[in-house]
Amino acid sequence: MASLKNSVRLTGFVGRAPELKTFGENKNLARVSLATNERYRNEQGEWATNTQWHHLVFWGRQAAFAEKSLTKGSEIAVEGKLVNRQYVDKDGITRYVTEVNVKEVLQLNRSPE
């Protein structure tokens, strides 16, 4: 049960091509946005979709895989952990971000809805 303390699993569609950054010779990361969709019936009985956006971070070999294999609209399933961080933007404003540090990724072959 120790692995359940900070664990998240998501399945969704990539929102844009991965952004790759390299640090030194062998350390790299890729950032990807992921859209998850929940379908439900609204008060009028019609189908509606609620889309949530998630920030994913891939490190090392996962980052290389993301850069090579993921494109906008790709459907993927990921498992990782939630990380909260803050930074100061170019205007001096402190920003807060919640990201998923991806441990495992599975590329699915379905088309976007």
PDB file of N, CA and C in Angstrom:
ATOM      1  N   MET A   1       0.801  -1.202   0.000  1.00  0.00           N
ATOM      2  CA  MET A   1       0.000   0.000   0.000  1.00  0.00           C
ATOM      3  C   MET A   1       0.843   1.266   0.000  1.00  0.00           C
ATOM      4  N   ALA A   2       2.134   1.163   0.255  1.00  0.00           N
ATOM      5  CA  ALA A   2       2.992   2.346   0.286  1.00  0.00           C
ATOM      6  C   ALA A   2       2.979   3.082  -1.042  1.00  0.00           C
ATOM      7  N   SER A   3       2.795   2.357  -2.151  1.00  0.00           N
ATOM      8  CA  SER A   3       2.804   3.003  -3.463  1.00  0.00           C
ATOM      9  C   SER A   3       1.535   3.813  -3.724  1.00  0.00           C
ATOM     10  N   LEU A   4       0.522   3.673  -2.880  1.00  0.00           N
ATOM     11  CA  LEU A   4      -0.731   4.401  -3.075  1.00  0.00           C
ATOM     12  C   LEU A   4      -0.736   5.777  -2.420  1.00  0.00           C
ATOM     13  N   LYS A   5       0.313   6.144  -1.719  1.00  0.00           N
ATOM     14  CA  LYS A   5       0.325   7.415  -1.004  1.00  0.00           C
ATOM     15  C   LYS A   5       0.264   8.619  -1.932  1.00  0.00           C
ATOM     16  N   ASN A   6       0.945   8.583  -3.037  1.00  0.00           N
ATOM     17  CA  ASN A   6       0.920   9.679  -4.001  1.00  0.00           C
ATOM     18  C   ASN A   6       0.967   9.054  -5.380  1.00  0.00           C
ATOM     19  N   SER A   7      -0.201   8.642  -5.865  1.00  0.00           N
ATOM     20  CA  SER A   7      -0.280   7.946  -7.144  1.00  0.00           C
ATOM     21  C   SER A   7      -1.474   8.462  -7.924  1.00  0.00           C
ATOM     22  N   VAL A   8      -1.266   8.667  -9.209  1.00  0.00           N
ATOM     23  CA  VAL A   8      -2.351   9.119 -10.077  1.00  0.00           C
ATOM     24  C   VAL A   8      -2.259   8.377 -11.403  1.00  0.00           C
ATOM     25  N   ARG A   9      -3.417   8.022 -11.937  1.00  0.00           N
ATOM     26  CA  ARG A   9      -3.509   7.384 -13.258  1.00  0.00           C
ATOM     27  C   ARG A   9      -4.503   8.175 -14.088  1.00  0.00           C
ATOM     28  N   LEU A  10      -4.095   8.495 -15.304  1.00  0.00           N
ATOM     29  CA  LEU A  10      -4.939   9.287 -16.202  1.00  0.00           C
ATOM     30  C   LEU A  10      -4.912   8.684 -17.594  1.00  0.00           C
ATOM     31  N   THR A  11      -6.032   8.769 -18.289  1.00  0.00           N
ATOM     32  CA  THR A  11      -6.105   8.405 -19.697  1.00  0.00           C
ATOM     33  C   THR A  11      -6.748   9.583 -20.409  1.00  0.00           C
ATOM     34  N   GLY A  12      -6.081  10.060 -21.457  1.00  0.00           N
ATOM     35  CA  GLY A  12      -6.612  11.207 -22.170  1.00  0.00           C
ATOM     36  C   GLY A  12      -5.866  11.463 -23.462  1.00  0.00           C
ATOM     37  N   PHE A  13      -6.065  12.663 -23.994  1.00  0.00           N
ATOM     38  CA  PHE A  13      -5.501  13.044 -25.287  1.00  0.00           C
ATOM     39  C   PHE A  13      -4.473  14.159 -25.121  1.00  0.00           C
ATOM     40  N   VAL A  14      -3.358  14.016 -25.817  1.00  0.00           N
ATOM     41  CA  VAL A  14      -2.286  15.008 -25.775  1.00  0.00           C
ATOM     42  C   VAL A  14      -2.784  16.294 -26.423  1.00  0.00           C
ATOM     43  N   GLY A  15      -2.566  17.421 -25.751  1.00  0.00           N
ATOM     44  CA  GLY A  15      -3.076  18.704 -26.228  1.00  0.00           C
ATOM     45  C   GLY A  15      -2.144  19.446 -27.163  1.00  0.00           C
ATOM     46  N   ARG A  16      -0.842  19.158 -27.088  1.00  0.00           N
ATOM     47  CA  ARG A  16       0.134  19.803 -27.970  1.00  0.00           C
ATOM     48  C   ARG A  16       1.381  18.935 -28.023  1.00  0.00           C
ATOM     49  N   ALA A  17       2.224  19.209 -28.995  1.00  0.00           N
ATOM     50  CA  ALA A  17       3.474  18.455 -29.127  1.00  0.00           C
ATOM     51  C   ALA A  17       4.336  18.665 -27.878  1.00  0.00           C
ATOM     52  N   PRO A  18       5.089  17.652 -27.462  1.00  0.00           N
ATOM     53  CA  PRO A  18       5.934  17.785 -26.271  1.00  0.00           C
ATOM     54  C   PRO A  18       6.985  18.883 -26.424  1.00  0.00           C
ATOM     55  N   GLU A  19       7.265  19.581 -25.308  1.00  0.00           N
ATOM     56  CA  GLU A  19       8.355  20.558 -25.254  1.00  0.00           C
ATOM     57  C   GLU A  19       9.517  19.884 -24.549  1.00  0.00           C
ATOM     58  N   LEU A  20      10.647  19.737 -25.232  1.00  0.00           N
ATOM     59  CA  LEU A  20      11.805  19.051 -24.670  1.00  0.00           C
ATOM     60  C   LEU A  20      12.846  20.050 -24.197  1.00  0.00           C
ATOM     61  N   LYS A  21      13.401  19.808 -23.002  1.00  0.00           N
ATOM     62  CA  LYS A  21      14.500  20.614 -22.466  1.00  0.00           C
ATOM     63  C   LYS A  21      15.613  19.661 -22.072  1.00  0.00           C
ATOM     64  N   THR A  22      16.868  20.066 -22.332  1.00  0.00           N
ATOM     65  CA  THR A  22      18.015  19.241 -21.988  1.00  0.00           C
ATOM     66  C   THR A  22      18.876  19.968 -20.978  1.00  0.00           C
ATOM     67  N   PHE A  23      19.313  19.240 -19.950  1.00  0.00           N
ATOM     68  CA  PHE A  23      20.191  19.760 -18.916  1.00  0.00           C
ATOM     69  C   PHE A  23      21.468  18.931 -18.955  1.00  0.00           C
ATOM     70  N   GLY A  24      22.600  19.581 -19.234  1.00  0.00           N
ATOM     71  CA  GLY A  24      23.852  18.835 -19.311  1.00  0.00           C
ATOM     72  C   GLY A  24      23.838  17.876 -20.484  1.00  0.00           C
ATOM     73  N   GLU A  25      24.536  16.760 -20.332  1.00  0.00           N
ATOM     74  CA  GLU A  25      24.638  15.812 -21.439  1.00  0.00           C
ATOM     75  C   GLU A  25      23.522  14.769 -21.458  1.00  0.00           C
ATOM     76  N   ASN A  26      23.136  14.264 -20.292  1.00  0.00           N
ATOM     77  CA  ASN A  26      22.225  13.124 -20.275  1.00  0.00           C
ATOM     78  C   ASN A  26      20.919  13.350 -19.533  1.00  0.00           C
ATOM     79  N   LYS A  27      20.628  14.563 -19.103  1.00  0.00           N
ATOM     80  CA  LYS A  27      19.401  14.797 -18.354  1.00  0.00           C
ATOM     81  C   LYS A  27      18.454  15.639 -19.195  1.00  0.00           C
ATOM     82  N   ASN A  28      17.269  15.099 -19.455  1.00  0.00           N
ATOM     83  CA  ASN A  28      16.292  15.855 -20.225  1.00  0.00           C
ATOM     84  C   ASN A  28      14.890  15.629 -19.668  1.00  0.00           C
ATOM     85  N   LEU A  29      14.000  16.572 -20.007  1.00  0.00           N
ATOM     86  CA  LEU A  29      12.601  16.443 -19.617  1.00  0.00           C
ATOM     87  C   LEU A  29      11.724  16.911 -20.756  1.00  0.00           C
ATOM     88  N   ALA A  30      10.511  16.391 -20.773  1.00  0.00           N
ATOM     89  CA  ALA A  30       9.515  16.804 -21.757  1.00  0.00           C
ATOM     90  C   ALA A  30       8.241  17.162 -21.005  1.00  0.00           C
ATOM     91  N   ARG A  31       7.615  18.246 -21.425  1.00  0.00           N
ATOM     92  CA  ARG A  31       6.345  18.681 -20.834  1.00  0.00           C
ATOM     93  C   ARG A  31       5.242  18.488 -21.877  1.00  0.00           C
ATOM     94  N   VAL A  32       4.114  17.971 -21.402  1.00  0.00           N
ATOM     95  CA  VAL A  32       2.975  17.687 -22.280  1.00  0.00           C
ATOM     96  C   VAL A  32       1.701  18.067 -21.535  1.00  0.00           C
ATOM     97  N   SER A  33       0.728  18.616 -22.247  1.00  0.00           N
ATOM     98  CA  SER A  33      -0.587  18.834 -21.648  1.00  0.00           C
ATOM     99  C   SER A  33      -1.479  17.657 -22.043  1.00  0.00           C
ATOM    100  N   LEU A  34      -2.330  17.239 -21.106  1.00  0.00           N
ATOM    101  CA  LEU A  34      -3.211  16.093 -21.330  1.00  0.00           C
ATOM    102  C   LEU A  34      -4.641  16.499 -21.003  1.00  0.00           C
ATOM    103  N   ALA A  35      -5.561  16.208 -21.905  1.00  0.00           N
ATOM    104  CA  ALA A  35      -6.985  16.485 -21.694  1.00  0.00           C
ATOM    105  C   ALA A  35      -7.700  15.186 -21.332  1.00  0.00           C
ATOM    106  N   THR A  36      -8.408  15.204 -20.202  1.00  0.00           N
ATOM    107  CA  THR A  36      -9.265  14.074 -19.851  1.00  0.00           C
ATOM    108  C   THR A  36     -10.706  14.549 -19.966  1.00  0.00           C
ATOM    109  N   ASN A  37     -11.547  13.697 -20.526  1.00  0.00           N
ATOM    110  CA  ASN A  37     -12.938  14.058 -20.786  1.00  0.00           C
ATOM    111  C   ASN A  37     -13.879  13.181 -19.974  1.00  0.00           C
ATOM    112  N   GLU A  38     -14.867  13.821 -19.368  1.00  0.00           N
ATOM    113  CA  GLU A  38     -15.906  13.102 -18.641  1.00  0.00           C
ATOM    114  C   GLU A  38     -17.242  13.442 -19.282  1.00  0.00           C
ATOM    115  N   ARG A  39     -17.957  12.415 -19.726  1.00  0.00           N
ATOM    116  CA  ARG A  39     -19.269  12.632 -20.342  1.00  0.00           C
ATOM    117  C   ARG A  39     -20.351  12.385 -19.306  1.00  0.00           C
ATOM    118  N   TYR A  40     -21.366  13.231 -19.333  1.00  0.00           N
ATOM    119  CA  TYR A  40     -22.475  13.109 -18.391  1.00  0.00           C
ATOM    120  C   TYR A  40     -23.727  13.704 -19.018  1.00  0.00           C
ATOM    121  N   ARG A  41     -24.865  13.396 -18.418  1.00  0.00           N
ATOM    122  CA  ARG A  41     -26.130  13.995 -18.875  1.00  0.00           C
ATOM    123  C   ARG A  41     -26.402  15.241 -18.034  1.00  0.00           C
ATOM    124  N   ASN A  42     -26.689  16.348 -18.719  1.00  0.00           N
ATOM    125  CA  ASN A  42     -26.974  17.591 -18.001  1.00  0.00           C
ATOM    126  C   ASN A  42     -28.429  17.606 -17.529  1.00  0.00           C
ATOM    127  N   GLU A  43     -28.852  18.724 -16.956  1.00  0.00           N
ATOM    128  CA  GLU A  43     -30.202  18.826 -16.405  1.00  0.00           C
ATOM    129  C   GLU A  43     -31.299  18.661 -17.452  1.00  0.00           C
ATOM    130  N   GLN A  44     -30.972  18.955 -18.720  1.00  0.00           N
ATOM    131  CA  GLN A  44     -31.946  18.799 -19.798  1.00  0.00           C
ATOM    132  C   GLN A  44     -31.929  17.383 -20.378  1.00  0.00           C
ATOM    133  N   GLY A  45     -31.075  16.516 -19.845  1.00  0.00           N
ATOM    134  CA  GLY A  45     -30.997  15.139 -20.330  1.00  0.00           C
ATOM    135  C   GLY A  45     -30.097  14.969 -21.542  1.00  0.00           C
ATOM    136  N   GLU A  46     -29.397  16.030 -21.944  1.00  0.00           N
ATOM    137  CA  GLU A  46     -28.509  15.961 -23.097  1.00  0.00           C
ATOM    138  C   GLU A  46     -27.102  15.570 -22.644  1.00  0.00           C
ATOM    139  N   TRP A  47     -26.371  14.927 -23.543  1.00  0.00           N
ATOM    140  CA  TRP A  47     -24.997  14.564 -23.220  1.00  0.00           C
ATOM    141  C   TRP A  47     -24.110  15.806 -23.261  1.00  0.00           C
ATOM    142  N   ALA A  48     -23.257  15.942 -22.253  1.00  0.00           N
ATOM    143  CA  ALA A  48     -22.302  17.049 -22.185  1.00  0.00           C
ATOM    144  C   ALA A  48     -20.938  16.474 -21.822  1.00  0.00           C
ATOM    145  N   THR A  49     -19.891  17.232 -22.112  1.00  0.00           N
ATOM    146  CA  THR A  49     -18.535  16.784 -21.814  1.00  0.00           C
ATOM    147  C   THR A  49     -17.838  17.820 -20.946  1.00  0.00           C
ATOM    148  N   ASN A  50     -17.182  17.352 -19.893  1.00  0.00           N
ATOM    149  CA  ASN A  50     -16.368  18.193 -19.031  1.00  0.00           C
ATOM    150  C   ASN A  50     -14.913  17.812 -19.281  1.00  0.00           C
ATOM    151  N   THR A  51     -14.103  18.763 -19.744  1.00  0.00           N
ATOM    152  CA  THR A  51     -12.696  18.508 -20.041  1.00  0.00           C
ATOM    153  C   THR A  51     -11.826  19.122 -18.957  1.00  0.00           C
ATOM    154  N   GLN A  52     -10.905  18.330 -18.417  1.00  0.00           N
ATOM    155  CA  GLN A  52      -9.914  18.794 -17.445  1.00  0.00           C
ATOM    156  C   GLN A  52      -8.539  18.700 -18.097  1.00  0.00           C
ATOM    157  N   TRP A  53      -7.697  19.719 -17.874  1.00  0.00           N
ATOM    158  CA  TRP A  53      -6.344  19.734 -18.428  1.00  0.00           C
ATOM    159  C   TRP A  53      -5.332  19.445 -17.336  1.00  0.00           C
ATOM    160  N   HIS A  54      -4.336  18.634 -17.660  1.00  0.00           N
ATOM    161  CA  HIS A  54      -3.306  18.220 -16.708  1.00  0.00           C
ATOM    162  C   HIS A  54      -1.934  18.497 -17.319  1.00  0.00           C
ATOM    163  N   HIS A  55      -0.988  18.889 -16.476  1.00  0.00           N
ATOM    164  CA  HIS A  55       0.394  19.116 -16.900  1.00  0.00           C
ATOM    165  C   HIS A  55       1.200  17.857 -16.587  1.00  0.00           C
ATOM    166  N   LEU A  56       1.796  17.241 -17.615  1.00  0.00           N
ATOM    167  CA  LEU A  56       2.612  16.042 -17.434  1.00  0.00           C
ATOM    168  C   LEU A  56       4.079  16.389 -17.608  1.00  0.00           C
ATOM    169  N   VAL A  57       4.939  15.740 -16.823  1.00  0.00           N
ATOM    170  CA  VAL A  57       6.385  15.912 -16.947  1.00  0.00           C
ATOM    171  C   VAL A  57       7.008  14.528 -17.100  1.00  0.00           C
ATOM    172  N   PHE A  58       7.757  14.357 -18.183  1.00  0.00           N
ATOM    173  CA  PHE A  58       8.478  13.117 -18.451  1.00  0.00           C
ATOM    174  C   PHE A  58       9.968  13.377 -18.268  1.00  0.00           C
ATOM    175  N   TRP A  59      10.700  12.450 -17.631  1.00  0.00           N
ATOM    176  CA  TRP A  59      12.136  12.590 -17.418  1.00  0.00           C
ATOM    177  C   TRP A  59      12.896  11.463 -18.119  1.00  0.00           C
ATOM    178  N   GLY A  60      14.137  11.736 -18.521  1.00  0.00           N
ATOM    179  CA  GLY A  60      15.041  10.708 -19.044  1.00  0.00           C
ATOM    180  C   GLY A  60      14.523  10.021 -20.290  1.00  0.00           C
ATOM    181  N   ARG A  61      14.517   8.685 -20.250  1.00  0.00           N
ATOM    182  CA  ARG A  61      14.065   7.902 -21.415  1.00  0.00           C
ATOM    183  C   ARG A  61      12.601   8.157 -21.738  1.00  0.00           C
ATOM    184  N   GLN A  62      11.800   8.429 -20.689  1.00  0.00           N
ATOM    185  CA  GLN A  62      10.389   8.755 -20.928  1.00  0.00           C
ATOM    186  C   GLN A  62      10.273  10.039 -21.747  1.00  0.00           C
ATOM    187  N   ALA A  63      11.155  11.016 -21.476  1.00  0.00           N
ATOM    188  CA  ALA A  63      11.145  12.282 -22.222  1.00  0.00           C
ATOM    189  C   ALA A  63      11.498  12.038 -23.685  1.00  0.00           C
ATOM    190  N   ALA A  64      12.495  11.192 -23.927  1.00  0.00           N
ATOM    191  CA  ALA A  64      12.870  10.860 -25.311  1.00  0.00           C
ATOM    192  C   ALA A  64      11.717  10.169 -26.027  1.00  0.00           C
ATOM    193  N   PHE A  65      11.031   9.260 -25.332  1.00  0.00           N
ATOM    194  CA  PHE A  65       9.867   8.592 -25.912  1.00  0.00           C
ATOM    195  C   PHE A  65       8.785   9.602 -26.245  1.00  0.00           C
ATOM    196  N   ALA A  66       8.504  10.520 -25.313  1.00  0.00           N
ATOM    197  CA  ALA A  66       7.451  11.521 -25.532  1.00  0.00           C
ATOM    198  C   ALA A  66       7.766  12.375 -26.753  1.00  0.00           C
ATOM    199  N   GLU A  67       9.014  12.833 -26.859  1.00  0.00           N
ATOM    200  CA  GLU A  67       9.388  13.683 -27.995  1.00  0.00           C
ATOM    201  C   GLU A  67       9.249  12.934 -29.311  1.00  0.00           C
ATOM    202  N   LYS A  68       9.641  11.674 -29.322  1.00  0.00           N
ATOM    203  CA  LYS A  68       9.646  10.885 -30.557  1.00  0.00           C
ATOM    204  C   LYS A  68       8.256  10.378 -30.947  1.00  0.00           C
ATOM    205  N   SER A  69       7.427  10.026 -29.956  1.00  0.00           N
ATOM    206  CA  SER A  69       6.204   9.277 -30.245  1.00  0.00           C
ATOM    207  C   SER A  69       4.891  10.025 -30.045  1.00  0.00           C
ATOM    208  N   LEU A  70       4.879  11.081 -29.242  1.00  0.00           N
ATOM    209  CA  LEU A  70       3.610  11.736 -28.935  1.00  0.00           C
ATOM    210  C   LEU A  70       3.387  12.968 -29.798  1.00  0.00           C
ATOM    211  N   THR A  71       2.192  13.082 -30.314  1.00  0.00           N
ATOM    212  CA  THR A  71       1.795  14.248 -31.095  1.00  0.00           C
ATOM    213  C   THR A  71       0.441  14.730 -30.579  1.00  0.00           C
ATOM    214  N   LYS A  72       0.055  15.924 -30.980  1.00  0.00           N
ATOM    215  CA  LYS A  72      -1.241  16.455 -30.594  1.00  0.00           C
ATOM    216  C   LYS A  72      -2.326  15.470 -31.021  1.00  0.00           C
ATOM    217  N   GLY A  73      -3.212  15.118 -30.090  1.00  0.00           N
ATOM    218  CA  GLY A  73      -4.305  14.204 -30.379  1.00  0.00           C
ATOM    219  C   GLY A  73      -4.016  12.754 -30.030  1.00  0.00           C
ATOM    220  N   SER A  74      -2.760  12.400 -29.730  1.00  0.00           N
ATOM    221  CA  SER A  74      -2.438  11.027 -29.335  1.00  0.00           C
ATOM    222  C   SER A  74      -3.158  10.683 -28.042  1.00  0.00           C
ATOM    223  N   GLU A  75      -3.696   9.465 -27.956  1.00  0.00           N
ATOM    224  CA  GLU A  75      -4.310   9.035 -26.706  1.00  0.00           C
ATOM    225  C   GLU A  75      -3.289   8.227 -25.919  1.00  0.00           C
ATOM    226  N   ILE A  76      -3.130   8.581 -24.646  1.00  0.00           N
ATOM    227  CA  ILE A  76      -2.169   7.889 -23.797  1.00  0.00           C
ATOM    228  C   ILE A  76      -2.775   7.610 -22.429  1.00  0.00           C
ATOM    229  N   ALA A  77      -2.208   6.620 -21.748  1.00  0.00           N
ATOM    230  CA  ALA A  77      -2.512   6.346 -20.351  1.00  0.00           C
ATOM    231  C   ALA A  77      -1.202   6.531 -19.593  1.00  0.00           C
ATOM    232  N   VAL A  78      -1.256   7.234 -18.468  1.00  0.00           N
ATOM    233  CA  VAL A  78      -0.042   7.482 -17.682  1.00  0.00           C
ATOM    234  C   VAL A  78      -0.285   7.130 -16.222  1.00  0.00           C
ATOM    235  N   GLU A  79       0.808   6.792 -15.551  1.00  0.00           N
ATOM    236  CA  GLU A  79       0.799   6.621 -14.107  1.00  0.00           C
ATOM    237  C   GLU A  79       1.975   7.403 -13.562  1.00  0.00           C
ATOM    238  N   GLY A  80       1.753   8.109 -12.472  1.00  0.00           N
ATOM    239  CA  GLY A  80       2.822   8.909 -11.893  1.00  0.00           C
ATOM    240  C   GLY A  80       2.421   9.446 -10.539  1.00  0.00           C
ATOM    241  N   LYS A  81       3.106  10.516 -10.135  1.00  0.00           N
ATOM    242  CA  LYS A  81       2.792  11.133  -8.848  1.00  0.00           C
ATOM    243  C   LYS A  81       2.573  12.624  -9.024  1.00  0.00           C
ATOM    244  N   LEU A  82       1.749  13.193  -8.142  1.00  0.00           N
ATOM    245  CA  LEU A  82       1.468  14.625  -8.172  1.00  0.00           C
ATOM    246  C   LEU A  82       2.593  15.392  -7.497  1.00  0.00           C
ATOM    247  N   VAL A  83       2.985  16.493  -8.132  1.00  0.00           N
ATOM    248  CA  VAL A  83       4.018  17.367  -7.579  1.00  0.00           C
ATOM    249  C   VAL A  83       3.494  18.803  -7.651  1.00  0.00           C
ATOM    250  N   ASN A  84       3.550  19.507  -6.536  1.00  0.00           N
ATOM    251  CA  ASN A  84       3.189  20.927  -6.486  1.00  0.00           C
ATOM    252  C   ASN A  84       4.476  21.727  -6.430  1.00  0.00           C
ATOM    253  N   ARG A  85       4.556  22.775  -7.234  1.00  0.00           N
ATOM    254  CA  ARG A  85       5.743  23.627  -7.207  1.00  0.00           C
ATOM    255  C   ARG A  85       5.333  25.062  -7.473  1.00  0.00           C
ATOM    256  N   GLN A  86       6.248  25.970  -7.204  1.00  0.00           N
ATOM    257  CA  GLN A  86       6.003  27.378  -7.471  1.00  0.00           C
ATOM    258  C   GLN A  86       7.229  27.970  -8.151  1.00  0.00           C
ATOM    259  N   TYR A  87       6.999  29.038  -8.896  1.00  0.00           N
ATOM    260  CA  TYR A  87       8.082  29.753  -9.559  1.00  0.00           C
ATOM    261  C   TYR A  87       7.672  31.211  -9.716  1.00  0.00           C
ATOM    262  N   VAL A  88       8.641  32.048  -9.985  1.00  0.00           N
ATOM    263  CA  VAL A  88       8.385  33.467 -10.208  1.00  0.00           C
ATOM    264  C   VAL A  88       8.502  33.712 -11.712  1.00  0.00           C
ATOM    265  N   ASP A  89       7.440  34.263 -12.312  1.00  0.00           N
ATOM    266  CA  ASP A  89       7.459  34.490 -13.757  1.00  0.00           C
ATOM    267  C   ASP A  89       8.251  35.752 -14.106  1.00  0.00           C
ATOM    268  N   LYS A  90       8.312  36.068 -15.396  1.00  0.00           N
ATOM    269  CA  LYS A  90       9.122  37.206 -15.862  1.00  0.00           C
ATOM    270  C   LYS A  90       8.634  38.550 -15.335  1.00  0.00           C
ATOM    271  N   ASP A  91       7.363  38.602 -14.888  1.00  0.00           N
ATOM    272  CA  ASP A  91       6.812  39.834 -14.333  1.00  0.00           C
ATOM    273  C   ASP A  91       6.951  39.905 -12.812  1.00  0.00           C
ATOM    274  N   GLY A  92       7.627  38.917 -12.218  1.00  0.00           N
ATOM    275  CA  GLY A  92       7.831  38.911 -10.781  1.00  0.00           C
ATOM    276  C   GLY A  92       6.664  38.361  -9.973  1.00  0.00           C
ATOM    277  N   ILE A  93       5.703  37.719 -10.641  1.00  0.00           N
ATOM    278  CA  ILE A  93       4.531  37.160  -9.978  1.00  0.00           C
ATOM    279  C   ILE A  93       4.798  35.695  -9.642  1.00  0.00           C
ATOM    280  N   THR A  94       4.504  35.304  -8.406  1.00  0.00           N
ATOM    281  CA  THR A  94       4.668  33.909  -8.003  1.00  0.00           C
ATOM    282  C   THR A  94       3.520  33.086  -8.560  1.00  0.00           C
ATOM    283  N   ARG A  95       3.859  32.037  -9.282  1.00  0.00           N
ATOM    284  CA  ARG A  95       2.869  31.135  -9.891  1.00  0.00           C
ATOM    285  C   ARG A  95       2.956  29.775  -9.211  1.00  0.00           C
ATOM    286  N   TYR A  96       1.813  29.104  -9.089  1.00  0.00           N
ATOM    287  CA  TYR A  96       1.741  27.785  -8.480  1.00  0.00           C
ATOM    288  C   TYR A  96       1.253  26.788  -9.523  1.00  0.00           C
ATOM    289  N   VAL A  97       1.893  25.627  -9.585  1.00  0.00           N
ATOM    290  CA  VAL A  97       1.582  24.629 -10.604  1.00  0.00           C
ATOM    291  C   VAL A  97       1.485  23.254  -9.953  1.00  0.00           C
ATOM    292  N   THR A  98       0.504  22.473 -10.388  1.00  0.00           N
ATOM    293  CA  THR A  98       0.428  21.061 -10.018  1.00  0.00           C
ATOM    294  C   THR A  98       0.705  20.256 -11.274  1.00  0.00           C
ATOM    295  N   GLU A  99       1.664  19.333 -11.189  1.00  0.00           N
ATOM    296  CA  GLU A  99       2.073  18.528 -12.330  1.00  0.00           C
ATOM    297  C   GLU A  99       2.032  17.050 -11.962  1.00  0.00           C
ATOM    298  N   VAL A 100       2.002  16.213 -12.995  1.00  0.00           N
ATOM    299  CA  VAL A 100       2.119  14.775 -12.809  1.00  0.00           C
ATOM    300  C   VAL A 100       3.491  14.374 -13.328  1.00  0.00           C
ATOM    301  N   ASN A 101       4.361  13.886 -12.428  1.00  0.00           N
ATOM    302  CA  ASN A 101       5.642  13.321 -12.850  1.00  0.00           C
ATOM    303  C   ASN A 101       5.370  11.888 -13.289  1.00  0.00           C
ATOM    304  N   VAL A 102       5.505  11.638 -14.580  1.00  0.00           N
ATOM    305  CA  VAL A 102       5.110  10.364 -15.166  1.00  0.00           C
ATOM    306  C   VAL A 102       6.169   9.299 -14.898  1.00  0.00           C
ATOM    307  N   LYS A 103       5.712   8.147 -14.388  1.00  0.00           N
ATOM    308  CA  LYS A 103       6.589   6.993 -14.192  1.00  0.00           C
ATOM    309  C   LYS A 103       6.418   5.988 -15.326  1.00  0.00           C
ATOM    310  N   GLU A 104       5.169   5.813 -15.772  1.00  0.00           N
ATOM    311  CA  GLU A 104       4.876   4.879 -16.859  1.00  0.00           C
ATOM    312  C   GLU A 104       3.920   5.526 -17.842  1.00  0.00           C
ATOM    313  N   VAL A 105       4.118   5.204 -19.116  1.00  0.00           N
ATOM    314  CA  VAL A 105       3.229   5.728 -20.154  1.00  0.00           C
ATOM    315  C   VAL A 105       2.901   4.600 -21.116  1.00  0.00           C
ATOM    316  N   LEU A 106       1.659   4.581 -21.589  1.00  0.00           N
ATOM    317  CA  LEU A 106       1.206   3.610 -22.568  1.00  0.00           C
ATOM    318  C   LEU A 106       0.504   4.361 -23.670  1.00  0.00           C
ATOM    319  N   GLN A 107       0.971   4.196 -24.891  1.00  0.00           N
ATOM    320  CA  GLN A 107       0.342   4.869 -26.031  1.00  0.00           C
ATOM    321  C   GLN A 107      -0.796   3.998 -26.526  1.00  0.00           C
ATOM    322  N   LEU A 108      -1.989   4.575 -26.623  1.00  0.00           N
ATOM    323  CA  LEU A 108      -3.174   3.877 -27.097  1.00  0.00           C
ATOM    324  C   LEU A 108      -3.407   4.224 -28.553  1.00  0.00           C
ATOM    325  N   ASN A 109      -4.169   3.394 -29.249  1.00  0.00           N
ATOM    326  CA  ASN A 109      -4.315   3.571 -30.698  1.00  0.00           C
ATOM    327  C   ASN A 109      -5.661   4.112 -31.127  1.00  0.00           C
ATOM    328  N   ARG A 110      -6.489   4.546 -30.165  1.00  0.00           N
ATOM    329  CA  ARG A 110      -7.786   5.091 -30.555  1.00  0.00           C
ATOM    330  C   ARG A 110      -7.636   6.505 -31.058  1.00  0.00           C
ATOM    331  N   SER A 111      -8.583   6.942 -31.878  1.00  0.00           N
ATOM    332  CA  SER A 111      -8.584   8.312 -32.396  1.00  0.00           C
ATOM    333  C   SER A 111      -9.295   9.218 -31.406  1.00  0.00           C
ATOM    334  N   PRO A 112      -9.016  10.542 -31.444  1.00  0.00           N
ATOM    335  CA  PRO A 112      -9.731  11.473 -30.578  1.00  0.00           C
ATOM    336  C   PRO A 112     -11.223  11.427 -30.844  1.00  0.00           C
ATOM    337  N   GLU A 113     -12.018  11.715 -29.790  1.00  0.00           N
ATOM    338  CA  GLU A 113     -13.487  11.689 -29.941  1.00  0.00           C
ATOM    339  C   GLU A 113     -13.959  12.796 -30.834  1.00  0.00           C
TER     340      GLU A 113
END
